[in-house]
Amino acid sequence: MHKPKKVVINASPMIVLFKSGLQQILPELFDTIVVPEQVFDEVRAGSDALSKAITTYNWLDIEHVALNENILEWNLGRGETAVISYALENTDFRVVIDDKAARKCAKTSSVKILGTGHLLVLSVRQGLIEDFDTAFTELKKSGFWISDKLYKILKSKI
């Protein structure tokens, strides 16, 4: 698989990456990282270090996103709706999203998806992190959860 150059990221993947200290993989993996204003506002509303520091990361592009009417009908959160809406208008972008309903919506809408776990796989393949299990453990400590089955699938892709 070639390196995806452009992504639009949702709040939960961003939050767990930052909480686990793995945020540095984002600008190493991607040339452009868009954060819709709706996601930015959601992150800024938090009380953790990311909510205060998000404005200092110059590799995050904060952009206004008009919400797509068809995506609104899925009744997702505003952040998920904005991420998918952005990718529909900018077809060279992949979405970084973990929410199951949002992933289903993106897939149904023919939007290319990356999950947080897949970012770890890409990072190991590119030598950005040494050990998948260690990074995965840090993500889990930060509130990330995936099934054992998906964990095994991801690990098999390294």
Foldseek 3Di string as FASTA:
>chain_A
DDQQAAAEEAQPLCQLCVQLVNNVLVVVRYVAYEYEPQRLVVLLPDDDPCVVCVVVPPRYHYHHADFDPVLVVLVDDPRLRRRLRVCLVVVSYAYADDDPSSVVVSVVSVGHYDYSLLSLLVCCVVVVDPDSVVSVVSSVVSPDDDDPVVVVVSVVSD
